[in-house]
Amino acid sequence: MSDPSKPLKNAKHELFVQNRVSGMTMLAAHGAAGYKANAANAAKITRKDNVRARMDYLMHRGAETAGITAGFVLDGLRDNYLRATGQMAVNVGLVGVEGEPILNEDGTQKVGQELVRDLHAGNKALELLGKHLGVFEEKETGGSVAVTILYPLQKETHQIIEGTHDEEK
């Protein structure tokens, strides 16, 4: 297999990969790479080992460039969970009785803090944390997904929520 840090030898495949990494759908990327857009052919290209390796390399490099690490994502999920369950205040712009913004002397809107409860968002944050930690085992069952909890929330999960987890940032 070729070096994934180097462009693919097939120029259309390379353009397809570049388009996918930039956010295009598989079908749109296939058409933009010079092919007659076809979902089956696009999927076939995507399954090629060298294409997959190149795409993974470019996506990983892009995440590193943007400073997105597992620690960054886990910190964000933890903060989302804490905000959603009312354990962390959220900054909000202050408004008067009539709904007009309350301004500071320099003309910027005053900011206050309030506690918010959004249990759906809190549950989603916990679900994503659990998936990252391998807490769940997913099984497809005829169009739906059955989730089995492999073990209860352990010390590592609580450390993430409390912000004391040592994962590399």
N, C-alpha and C. Protein backbone atom coordinates (compact mmCIF):
# COMPACT_ATOMS: atom_id res chain seq x y z
N MET A 1 0.86 -1.19 0.00
CA MET A 1 0.00 0.00 0.00
C MET A 1 0.90 1.24 0.00
N SER A 2 0.40 2.29 -0.62
CA SER A 2 1.17 3.53 -0.72
C SER A 2 1.18 4.29 0.61
N ASP A 3 2.07 5.24 0.71
CA ASP A 3 2.22 6.08 1.90
C ASP A 3 1.02 7.04 1.98
N PRO A 4 0.20 6.97 3.03
CA PRO A 4 -0.99 7.82 3.11
C PRO A 4 -0.68 9.31 3.27
N SER A 5 0.56 9.65 3.59
CA SER A 5 0.91 11.06 3.71
C SER A 5 1.17 11.69 2.33
N LYS A 6 1.26 10.85 1.31
CA LYS A 6 1.50 11.34 -0.05
C LYS A 6 0.21 11.22 -0.87
N PRO A 7 0.00 12.14 -1.83
CA PRO A 7 -1.21 12.06 -2.67
C PRO A 7 -1.31 10.71 -3.38
N LEU A 8 -2.53 10.28 -3.62
CA LEU A 8 -2.77 9.03 -4.32
C LEU A 8 -2.30 9.14 -5.77
N LYS A 9 -1.86 8.02 -6.33
CA LYS A 9 -1.39 8.01 -7.72
C LYS A 9 -2.54 8.29 -8.69
N ASN A 10 -3.72 7.81 -8.39
CA ASN A 10 -4.89 8.07 -9.23
C ASN A 10 -5.42 9.45 -8.86
N ALA A 11 -5.29 10.40 -9.77
CA ALA A 11 -5.66 11.80 -9.48
C ALA A 11 -7.14 11.95 -9.14
N LYS A 12 -8.00 11.16 -9.78
CA LYS A 12 -9.44 11.25 -9.47
C LYS A 12 -9.72 10.73 -8.06
N HIS A 13 -9.02 9.67 -7.68
CA HIS A 13 -9.20 9.14 -6.33
C HIS A 13 -8.73 10.17 -5.30
N GLU A 14 -7.60 10.83 -5.58
CA GLU A 14 -7.09 11.85 -4.67
C GLU A 14 -8.08 13.00 -4.55
N LEU A 15 -8.64 13.44 -5.67
CA LEU A 15 -9.62 14.52 -5.63
C LEU A 15 -10.87 14.09 -4.87
N PHE A 16 -11.29 12.85 -5.08
CA PHE A 16 -12.43 12.30 -4.33
C PHE A 16 -12.16 12.38 -2.83
N VAL A 17 -10.97 11.95 -2.40
CA VAL A 17 -10.59 11.98 -0.98
C VAL A 17 -10.58 13.41 -0.46
N GLN A 18 -9.97 14.32 -1.21
CA GLN A 18 -9.92 15.72 -0.80
C GLN A 18 -11.34 16.28 -0.62
N ASN A 19 -12.23 15.95 -1.54
CA ASN A 19 -13.61 16.42 -1.46
C ASN A 19 -14.33 15.85 -0.24
N ARG A 20 -14.12 14.56 0.05
CA ARG A 20 -14.76 13.94 1.22
C ARG A 20 -14.26 14.57 2.51
N VAL A 21 -12.95 14.77 2.60
CA VAL A 21 -12.35 15.34 3.81
C VAL A 21 -12.83 16.77 4.01
N SER A 22 -13.12 17.48 2.92
CA SER A 22 -13.59 18.86 3.04
C SER A 22 -15.06 18.94 3.44
N GLY A 23 -15.74 17.78 3.50
CA GLY A 23 -17.11 17.77 4.00
C GLY A 23 -18.18 17.40 2.98
N MET A 24 -17.79 17.14 1.75
CA MET A 24 -18.79 16.75 0.74
C MET A 24 -19.34 15.37 1.04
N THR A 25 -20.58 15.16 0.61
CA THR A 25 -21.14 13.81 0.71
C THR A 25 -20.38 12.91 -0.24
N MET A 26 -20.51 11.61 -0.07
CA MET A 26 -19.82 10.66 -0.91
C MET A 26 -20.22 10.84 -2.38
N LEU A 27 -21.50 11.01 -2.63
CA LEU A 27 -22.00 11.16 -4.00
C LEU A 27 -21.51 12.47 -4.63
N ALA A 28 -21.58 13.56 -3.88
CA ALA A 28 -21.11 14.86 -4.39
C ALA A 28 -19.61 14.83 -4.66
N ALA A 29 -18.85 14.21 -3.76
CA ALA A 29 -17.40 14.12 -3.93
C ALA A 29 -17.06 13.30 -5.17
N HIS A 30 -17.82 12.26 -5.42
CA HIS A 30 -17.60 11.40 -6.59
C HIS A 30 -17.82 12.20 -7.87
N GLY A 31 -18.90 12.95 -7.93
CA GLY A 31 -19.18 13.78 -9.10
C GLY A 31 -18.14 14.89 -9.28
N ALA A 32 -17.76 15.54 -8.18
CA ALA A 32 -16.80 16.64 -8.24
C ALA A 32 -15.39 16.16 -8.61
N ALA A 33 -15.13 14.88 -8.44
CA ALA A 33 -13.82 14.33 -8.80
C ALA A 33 -13.73 14.01 -10.29
N GLY A 34 -14.82 14.22 -11.02
CA GLY A 34 -14.79 14.01 -12.46
C GLY A 34 -15.51 12.75 -12.92
N TYR A 35 -16.10 12.04 -11.99
CA TYR A 35 -16.87 10.86 -12.35
C TYR A 35 -18.33 11.25 -12.58
N LYS A 36 -19.08 10.37 -13.28
CA LYS A 36 -20.53 10.52 -13.33
C LYS A 36 -21.01 10.03 -11.96
N ALA A 37 -21.60 10.95 -11.17
CA ALA A 37 -21.96 10.64 -9.78
C ALA A 37 -22.77 9.35 -9.70
N ASN A 38 -22.26 8.40 -8.93
CA ASN A 38 -22.90 7.11 -8.78
C ASN A 38 -22.56 6.59 -7.39
N ALA A 39 -23.58 6.37 -6.57
CA ALA A 39 -23.37 5.98 -5.18
C ALA A 39 -22.63 4.65 -5.05
N ALA A 40 -22.95 3.67 -5.89
CA ALA A 40 -22.31 2.36 -5.79
C ALA A 40 -20.82 2.46 -6.12
N ASN A 41 -20.50 3.21 -7.17
CA ASN A 41 -19.09 3.37 -7.54
C ASN A 41 -18.33 4.20 -6.51
N ALA A 42 -18.99 5.20 -5.95
CA ALA A 42 -18.35 6.01 -4.90
C ALA A 42 -18.04 5.15 -3.69
N ALA A 43 -18.98 4.29 -3.31
CA ALA A 43 -18.77 3.40 -2.17
C ALA A 43 -17.63 2.42 -2.46
N LYS A 44 -17.54 1.95 -3.70
CA LYS A 44 -16.47 1.02 -4.09
C LYS A 44 -15.10 1.69 -3.95
N ILE A 45 -15.00 2.95 -4.38
CA ILE A 45 -13.73 3.68 -4.23
C ILE A 45 -13.40 3.86 -2.75
N THR A 46 -14.42 4.21 -1.96
CA THR A 46 -14.21 4.44 -0.52
C THR A 46 -13.68 3.20 0.18
N ARG A 47 -14.06 2.02 -0.30
CA ARG A 47 -13.62 0.77 0.34
C ARG A 47 -12.18 0.39 -0.01
N LYS A 48 -11.59 1.04 -0.99
CA LYS A 48 -10.20 0.72 -1.36
C LYS A 48 -9.28 1.07 -0.20
N ASP A 49 -8.36 0.17 0.12
CA ASP A 49 -7.47 0.36 1.27
C ASP A 49 -6.66 1.65 1.18
N ASN A 50 -6.11 1.94 0.00
CA ASN A 50 -5.27 3.14 -0.11
C ASN A 50 -6.10 4.42 0.00
N VAL A 51 -7.33 4.39 -0.50
CA VAL A 51 -8.23 5.55 -0.39
C VAL A 51 -8.62 5.76 1.07
N ARG A 52 -8.99 4.69 1.75
CA ARG A 52 -9.39 4.77 3.16
C ARG A 52 -8.22 5.27 4.01
N ALA A 53 -7.02 4.74 3.76
CA ALA A 53 -5.85 5.16 4.53
C ALA A 53 -5.55 6.65 4.31
N ARG A 54 -5.65 7.10 3.06
CA ARG A 54 -5.39 8.51 2.76
C ARG A 54 -6.43 9.40 3.43
N MET A 55 -7.70 8.99 3.36
CA MET A 55 -8.77 9.77 3.98
C MET A 55 -8.58 9.84 5.50
N ASP A 56 -8.26 8.72 6.11
CA ASP A 56 -8.02 8.70 7.56
C ASP A 56 -6.84 9.59 7.93
N TYR A 57 -5.78 9.54 7.14
CA TYR A 57 -4.60 10.36 7.40
C TYR A 57 -4.96 11.84 7.35
N LEU A 58 -5.65 12.25 6.28
CA LEU A 58 -5.99 13.67 6.12
C LEU A 58 -6.96 14.15 7.20
N MET A 59 -7.93 13.31 7.57
CA MET A 59 -8.87 13.72 8.63
C MET A 59 -8.16 13.83 9.96
N HIS A 60 -7.25 12.91 10.26
CA HIS A 60 -6.50 12.96 11.52
C HIS A 60 -5.61 14.19 11.55
N ARG A 61 -4.94 14.47 10.43
CA ARG A 61 -4.07 15.65 10.35
C ARG A 61 -4.88 16.93 10.52
N GLY A 62 -6.07 16.97 9.93
CA GLY A 62 -6.93 18.15 10.07
C GLY A 62 -7.36 18.36 11.51
N ALA A 63 -7.69 17.26 12.21
CA ALA A 63 -8.08 17.37 13.61
C ALA A 63 -6.92 17.88 14.46
N GLU A 64 -5.70 17.38 14.18
CA GLU A 64 -4.53 17.85 14.92
C GLU A 64 -4.27 19.33 14.68
N THR A 65 -4.39 19.74 13.41
CA THR A 65 -4.17 21.14 13.05
C THR A 65 -5.15 22.04 13.78
N ALA A 66 -6.39 21.58 13.91
CA ALA A 66 -7.42 22.36 14.59
C ALA A 66 -7.32 22.26 16.11
N GLY A 67 -6.41 21.44 16.62
CA GLY A 67 -6.26 21.28 18.07
C GLY A 67 -7.33 20.41 18.69
N ILE A 68 -7.96 19.56 17.89
CA ILE A 68 -9.01 18.69 18.40
C ILE A 68 -8.37 17.36 18.79
N THR A 69 -8.37 17.10 20.07
CA THR A 69 -7.81 15.86 20.60
C THR A 69 -8.90 15.15 21.38
N ALA A 70 -8.63 13.93 21.78
CA ALA A 70 -9.59 13.19 22.60
C ALA A 70 -9.86 13.96 23.90
N GLY A 71 -8.81 14.54 24.48
CA GLY A 71 -8.98 15.32 25.71
C GLY A 71 -9.88 16.52 25.51
N PHE A 72 -9.70 17.20 24.37
CA PHE A 72 -10.53 18.37 24.05
C PHE A 72 -12.00 17.97 23.95
N VAL A 73 -12.25 16.87 23.24
CA VAL A 73 -13.63 16.40 23.06
C VAL A 73 -14.22 15.95 24.39
N LEU A 74 -13.46 15.21 25.19
CA LEU A 74 -13.95 14.75 26.49
C LEU A 74 -14.24 15.92 27.42
N ASP A 75 -13.36 16.93 27.41
CA ASP A 75 -13.62 18.13 28.22
C ASP A 75 -14.92 18.80 27.80
N GLY A 76 -15.14 18.91 26.49
CA GLY A 76 -16.37 19.52 25.99
C GLY A 76 -17.60 18.73 26.38
N LEU A 77 -17.52 17.41 26.28
CA LEU A 77 -18.65 16.57 26.68
C LEU A 77 -18.93 16.71 28.17
N ARG A 78 -17.86 16.73 28.97
CA ARG A 78 -18.03 16.90 30.42
C ARG A 78 -18.72 18.23 30.72
N ASP A 79 -18.24 19.31 30.09
CA ASP A 79 -18.84 20.62 30.31
C ASP A 79 -20.29 20.65 29.85
N ASN A 80 -20.58 20.01 28.71
CA ASN A 80 -21.97 19.94 28.24
C ASN A 80 -22.85 19.21 29.25
N TYR A 81 -22.35 18.10 29.79
CA TYR A 81 -23.10 17.35 30.78
C TYR A 81 -23.37 18.22 32.02
N LEU A 82 -22.33 18.89 32.51
CA LEU A 82 -22.48 19.71 33.71
C LEU A 82 -23.45 20.87 33.48
N ARG A 83 -23.36 21.52 32.31
CA ARG A 83 -24.30 22.61 32.00
C ARG A 83 -25.72 22.09 31.88
N ALA A 84 -25.87 20.96 31.17
CA ALA A 84 -27.20 20.42 30.90
C ALA A 84 -27.91 19.95 32.16
N THR A 85 -27.15 19.55 33.16
CA THR A 85 -27.76 19.07 34.41
C THR A 85 -27.79 20.15 35.49
N GLY A 86 -27.46 21.39 35.10
CA GLY A 86 -27.55 22.50 36.05
C GLY A 86 -26.43 22.54 37.07
N GLN A 87 -25.34 21.83 36.80
CA GLN A 87 -24.21 21.83 37.73
C GLN A 87 -23.14 22.86 37.35
N MET A 88 -23.31 23.51 36.19
CA MET A 88 -22.38 24.54 35.75
C MET A 88 -23.21 25.67 35.13
N ALA A 89 -22.87 26.89 35.51
CA ALA A 89 -23.62 28.03 35.00
C ALA A 89 -23.27 28.31 33.55
N VAL A 90 -24.23 28.89 32.85
CA VAL A 90 -24.07 29.27 31.45
C VAL A 90 -24.10 30.79 31.37
N ASN A 91 -23.17 31.39 30.62
CA ASN A 91 -23.18 32.83 30.43
C ASN A 91 -24.31 33.22 29.49
N VAL A 92 -25.08 34.23 29.88
CA VAL A 92 -26.18 34.72 29.06
C VAL A 92 -26.15 36.24 29.05
N GLY A 93 -26.61 36.82 27.93
CA GLY A 93 -26.73 38.27 27.86
C GLY A 93 -27.93 38.71 28.68
N LEU A 94 -27.75 39.74 29.50
CA LEU A 94 -28.83 40.22 30.35
C LEU A 94 -29.76 41.14 29.55
N VAL A 95 -31.06 41.00 29.82
CA VAL A 95 -32.06 41.84 29.15
C VAL A 95 -32.99 42.44 30.20
N GLY A 96 -33.55 43.59 29.85
CA GLY A 96 -34.48 44.26 30.75
C GLY A 96 -35.88 43.67 30.65
N VAL A 97 -36.82 44.28 31.37
CA VAL A 97 -38.20 43.81 31.43
C VAL A 97 -38.84 43.79 30.05
N GLU A 98 -38.52 44.75 29.22
CA GLU A 98 -39.09 44.86 27.88
C GLU A 98 -38.33 44.02 26.86
N GLY A 99 -37.31 43.30 27.29
CA GLY A 99 -36.54 42.47 26.38
C GLY A 99 -35.36 43.18 25.74
N GLU A 100 -35.11 44.43 26.15
CA GLU A 100 -33.99 45.18 25.58
C GLU A 100 -32.70 44.78 26.29
N PRO A 101 -31.57 44.73 25.55
CA PRO A 101 -30.30 44.37 26.19
C PRO A 101 -29.88 45.39 27.24
N ILE A 102 -29.33 44.91 28.35
CA ILE A 102 -28.76 45.79 29.36
C ILE A 102 -27.29 45.95 29.01
N LEU A 103 -26.86 47.21 28.88
CA LEU A 103 -25.51 47.48 28.38
C LEU A 103 -24.56 47.94 29.47
N ASN A 104 -23.28 47.64 29.27
CA ASN A 104 -22.20 48.17 30.10
C ASN A 104 -21.92 49.60 29.66
N GLU A 105 -21.06 50.29 30.38
CA GLU A 105 -20.70 51.67 30.02
C GLU A 105 -20.07 51.76 28.64
N ASP A 106 -19.36 50.70 28.22
CA ASP A 106 -18.72 50.73 26.90
C ASP A 106 -19.65 50.31 25.76
N GLY A 107 -20.91 50.06 26.07
CA GLY A 107 -21.90 49.71 25.04
C GLY A 107 -22.06 48.23 24.78
N THR A 108 -21.24 47.39 25.41
CA THR A 108 -21.39 45.95 25.24
C THR A 108 -22.48 45.43 26.18
N GLN A 109 -23.08 44.34 25.79
CA GLN A 109 -24.16 43.78 26.61
C GLN A 109 -23.60 43.16 27.88
N LYS A 110 -24.26 43.44 29.00
CA LYS A 110 -23.87 42.83 30.27
C LYS A 110 -24.17 41.34 30.21
N VAL A 111 -23.32 40.58 30.87
CA VAL A 111 -23.45 39.14 30.87
C VAL A 111 -23.69 38.67 32.29
N GLY A 112 -24.60 37.76 32.43
CA GLY A 112 -24.86 37.13 33.72
C GLY A 112 -24.75 35.63 33.57
N GLN A 113 -24.98 34.92 34.63
CA GLN A 113 -24.93 33.46 34.57
C GLN A 113 -26.24 32.90 35.07
N GLU A 114 -26.63 31.80 34.45
CA GLU A 114 -27.82 31.11 34.93
C GLU A 114 -27.62 29.61 34.80
N LEU A 115 -28.36 28.88 35.59
CA LEU A 115 -28.31 27.43 35.51
C LEU A 115 -29.41 26.97 34.57
N VAL A 116 -29.08 26.03 33.73
CA VAL A 116 -30.00 25.53 32.72
C VAL A 116 -30.16 24.04 32.93
N ARG A 117 -31.36 23.54 32.68
CA ARG A 117 -31.57 22.09 32.74
C ARG A 117 -32.04 21.63 31.37
N ASP A 118 -31.28 20.74 30.79
CA ASP A 118 -31.63 20.11 29.52
C ASP A 118 -31.18 18.67 29.63
N LEU A 119 -32.02 17.85 30.22
CA LEU A 119 -31.63 16.48 30.51
C LEU A 119 -31.36 15.66 29.26
N HIS A 120 -32.04 16.00 28.15
CA HIS A 120 -31.76 15.29 26.89
C HIS A 120 -30.30 15.51 26.49
N ALA A 121 -29.84 16.76 26.56
CA ALA A 121 -28.45 17.07 26.21
C ALA A 121 -27.50 16.40 27.20
N GLY A 122 -27.86 16.36 28.47
CA GLY A 122 -27.03 15.70 29.47
C GLY A 122 -26.91 14.21 29.19
N ASN A 123 -28.04 13.59 28.84
CA ASN A 123 -28.02 12.16 28.52
C ASN A 123 -27.18 11.88 27.27
N LYS A 124 -27.28 12.77 26.28
CA LYS A 124 -26.50 12.59 25.06
C LYS A 124 -25.00 12.69 25.36
N ALA A 125 -24.61 13.64 26.20
CA ALA A 125 -23.21 13.77 26.58
C ALA A 125 -22.73 12.50 27.29
N LEU A 126 -23.55 11.97 28.20
CA LEU A 126 -23.17 10.74 28.89
C LEU A 126 -23.08 9.56 27.92
N GLU A 127 -24.01 9.51 26.95
CA GLU A 127 -23.97 8.44 25.95
C GLU A 127 -22.66 8.48 25.16
N LEU A 128 -22.26 9.67 24.72
CA LEU A 128 -21.02 9.79 23.96
C LEU A 128 -19.80 9.47 24.82
N LEU A 129 -19.81 9.90 26.07
CA LEU A 129 -18.72 9.53 26.99
C LEU A 129 -18.66 8.02 27.16
N GLY A 130 -19.83 7.41 27.34
CA GLY A 130 -19.90 5.96 27.51
C GLY A 130 -19.39 5.21 26.30
N LYS A 131 -19.74 5.70 25.11
CA LYS A 131 -19.24 5.06 23.89
C LYS A 131 -17.73 5.17 23.80
N HIS A 132 -17.20 6.34 24.15
CA HIS A 132 -15.74 6.53 24.11
C HIS A 132 -15.04 5.56 25.06
N LEU A 133 -15.62 5.35 26.21
CA LEU A 133 -15.01 4.49 27.23
C LEU A 133 -15.32 3.01 27.02
N GLY A 134 -16.16 2.70 26.02
CA GLY A 134 -16.51 1.30 25.76
C GLY A 134 -17.47 0.72 26.77
N VAL A 135 -18.33 1.55 27.33
CA VAL A 135 -19.29 1.10 28.34
C VAL A 135 -20.42 0.30 27.70
N PHE A 136 -20.71 0.55 26.42
CA PHE A 136 -21.84 -0.09 25.75
C PHE A 136 -21.38 -1.07 24.69
N GLU A 137 -22.21 -2.06 24.45
CA GLU A 137 -22.01 -2.98 23.33
C GLU A 137 -23.26 -2.85 22.48
N GLU A 138 -23.09 -2.41 21.23
CA GLU A 138 -24.25 -2.21 20.35
C GLU A 138 -24.43 -3.43 19.47
N LYS A 139 -25.69 -3.84 19.31
CA LYS A 139 -26.05 -4.95 18.44
C LYS A 139 -27.20 -4.52 17.57
N GLU A 140 -27.08 -4.77 16.25
CA GLU A 140 -28.18 -4.46 15.36
C GLU A 140 -29.21 -5.56 15.47
N THR A 141 -30.48 -5.16 15.57
CA THR A 141 -31.57 -6.13 15.69
C THR A 141 -32.69 -5.73 14.75
N GLY A 142 -32.53 -6.02 13.49
CA GLY A 142 -33.59 -5.78 12.51
C GLY A 142 -34.01 -4.33 12.39
N GLY A 143 -33.08 -3.42 12.18
CA GLY A 143 -33.42 -2.01 11.99
C GLY A 143 -33.31 -1.16 13.23
N SER A 144 -33.25 -1.78 14.40
CA SER A 144 -33.06 -0.99 15.62
C SER A 144 -31.74 -1.42 16.25
N VAL A 145 -31.30 -0.67 17.22
CA VAL A 145 -30.04 -0.98 17.88
C VAL A 145 -30.32 -1.29 19.34
N ALA A 146 -29.88 -2.45 19.78
CA ALA A 146 -29.99 -2.81 21.19
C ALA A 146 -28.68 -2.45 21.87
N VAL A 147 -28.76 -1.82 23.01
CA VAL A 147 -27.55 -1.41 23.73
C VAL A 147 -27.49 -2.18 25.04
N THR A 148 -26.37 -2.80 25.27
CA THR A 148 -26.14 -3.52 26.51
C THR A 148 -25.07 -2.76 27.28
N ILE A 149 -25.35 -2.44 28.53
CA ILE A 149 -24.34 -1.79 29.35
C ILE A 149 -23.41 -2.87 29.86
N LEU A 150 -22.13 -2.75 29.49
CA LEU A 150 -21.16 -3.79 29.85
C LEU A 150 -20.75 -3.71 31.30
N TYR A 151 -20.70 -2.51 31.84
CA TYR A 151 -20.41 -2.33 33.24
C TYR A 151 -20.92 -0.97 33.65
N PRO A 152 -21.25 -0.79 34.91
CA PRO A 152 -21.78 0.50 35.34
C PRO A 152 -20.72 1.59 35.23
N LEU A 153 -21.17 2.83 35.31
CA LEU A 153 -20.22 3.95 35.26
C LEU A 153 -19.15 3.73 36.31
N GLN A 154 -17.93 3.73 35.87
CA GLN A 154 -16.82 3.44 36.75
C GLN A 154 -16.08 4.72 37.11
N LYS A 155 -15.02 4.56 37.84
CA LYS A 155 -14.20 5.67 38.32
C LYS A 155 -13.76 6.59 37.18
N GLU A 156 -13.35 6.01 36.03
CA GLU A 156 -12.86 6.81 34.91
C GLU A 156 -13.95 7.76 34.40
N THR A 157 -15.19 7.28 34.30
CA THR A 157 -16.30 8.11 33.85
C THR A 157 -16.52 9.25 34.82
N HIS A 158 -16.52 8.96 36.10
CA HIS A 158 -16.71 10.01 37.10
C HIS A 158 -15.57 11.01 37.07
N GLN A 159 -14.34 10.53 36.80
CA GLN A 159 -13.20 11.44 36.70
C GLN A 159 -13.37 12.39 35.51
N ILE A 160 -13.89 11.88 34.40
CA ILE A 160 -14.12 12.74 33.24
C ILE A 160 -15.15 13.81 33.59
N ILE A 161 -16.23 13.40 34.21
CA ILE A 161 -17.29 14.34 34.57
C ILE A 161 -16.77 15.37 35.56
N GLU A 162 -15.94 14.95 36.50
CA GLU A 162 -15.39 15.86 37.51
C GLU A 162 -14.20 16.66 37.00
N GLY A 163 -13.66 16.30 35.82
CA GLY A 163 -12.53 17.02 35.26
C GLY A 163 -11.18 16.60 35.81
N THR A 164 -11.13 15.40 36.39
CA THR A 164 -9.86 14.94 36.97
C THR A 164 -9.26 13.79 36.16
N HIS A 165 -9.78 13.51 34.98
CA HIS A 165 -9.30 12.43 34.13
C HIS A 165 -7.95 12.80 33.54
N ASP A 166 -7.02 11.84 33.47
CA ASP A 166 -5.65 12.11 33.04
C ASP A 166 -5.39 11.85 31.58
N GLU A 167 -6.41 11.63 30.74
CA GLU A 167 -6.19 11.34 29.32
C GLU A 167 -5.41 12.47 28.67
N GLU A 168 -4.50 12.12 27.77
CA GLU A 168 -3.66 13.10 27.09
C GLU A 168 -4.54 14.12 26.37
N LYS A 169 -4.22 15.40 26.54
CA LYS A 169 -5.03 16.46 25.95
C LYS A 169 -4.45 16.95 24.69
